[in-house]
Protein backbone atom coordinates (compact mmCIF):
# COMPACT_ATOMS: atom_id res chain seq x y z
CA MET A 1 -0.56 -5.57 53.64
CA VAL A 2 -1.38 -4.48 57.15
CA LYS A 3 1.12 -2.11 58.72
CA ASN A 4 3.44 -4.09 60.95
CA ARG A 5 5.10 -1.90 63.57
CA GLY A 6 7.35 -4.68 64.82
CA TYR A 7 8.60 -5.26 61.29
CA GLU A 8 9.38 -1.56 60.83
CA LEU A 9 11.46 -1.62 64.00
CA TYR A 10 13.19 -4.82 62.89
CA LEU A 11 14.29 -3.24 59.62
CA LYS A 12 15.37 0.00 61.30
CA HIS A 13 17.44 -1.96 63.79
CA HIS A 14 19.06 -4.41 61.40
CA THR A 15 19.63 -2.36 58.26
CA ASP A 16 19.28 1.33 59.12
CA CYS A 17 16.57 1.28 56.50
CA TYR A 18 13.01 2.44 56.98
CA PHE A 19 10.06 0.26 56.06
CA HIS A 20 6.52 1.56 55.71
CA SER A 21 3.51 -0.29 54.38
CA THR A 22 -0.07 0.60 53.55
CA ASP A 23 -3.00 -1.55 52.50
CA GLU A 24 -2.36 -0.72 48.82
CA GLU A 25 1.39 -0.89 48.48
CA ILE A 26 4.74 -1.22 50.18
CA PHE A 27 7.34 1.55 50.24
CA PHE A 28 10.99 1.08 51.01
CA TRP A 29 13.22 3.98 51.96
CA ILE A 30 16.73 2.67 51.99
CA ASN A 31 18.96 5.12 53.82
CA CYS A 32 22.07 2.98 53.75
CA ASN A 33 24.45 1.73 51.07
CA LEU A 34 23.98 -1.99 50.49
CA LEU A 35 26.11 -4.17 48.23
CA VAL A 36 24.18 -6.37 45.82
CA SER A 37 24.95 -9.48 47.87
CA SER A 38 23.84 -7.77 51.08
CA PHE A 39 20.71 -6.54 49.35
CA ASN A 40 19.85 -10.08 48.28
CA LYS A 41 20.38 -11.33 51.83
CA PHE A 42 18.20 -8.48 53.08
CA PHE A 43 15.29 -9.63 50.91
CA GLU A 44 15.85 -13.28 51.80
CA ALA A 45 15.57 -12.27 55.47
CA ILE A 46 12.33 -10.39 54.72
CA LYS A 47 10.83 -13.45 53.02
CA GLU A 48 11.84 -15.69 55.92
CA ASP A 49 10.53 -13.22 58.49
CA ILE A 50 7.19 -12.84 56.70
CA SER A 51 6.90 -16.63 56.57
CA ILE A 52 7.61 -16.92 60.30
CA ASN A 53 5.15 -14.13 61.13
CA ASN A 54 2.46 -15.72 58.98
CA ASN A 55 2.97 -19.07 60.71
CA LEU A 56 2.78 -17.46 64.15
CA SER A 57 -0.38 -15.57 63.17
CA PHE A 58 -1.90 -18.81 61.93
CA ILE A 59 -1.07 -20.60 65.19
CA LYS A 60 -2.43 -17.74 67.32
CA SER A 61 -5.68 -17.63 65.33
CA LYS A 62 -6.46 -21.29 66.08
């Protein structure tokens, strides 16, 4: 996964958590206390955001 600076800032802003990615793997440093339900919503938001970003990248590459 390519490092996505905008995505790092998004996670910092919305969850007080830090996201860092490299080409080989993804690391999450979660510096906040999240309830299980909030944690699930957090990952749902990530999946949706990745989907949106992928769609935008696809449109831009045309």
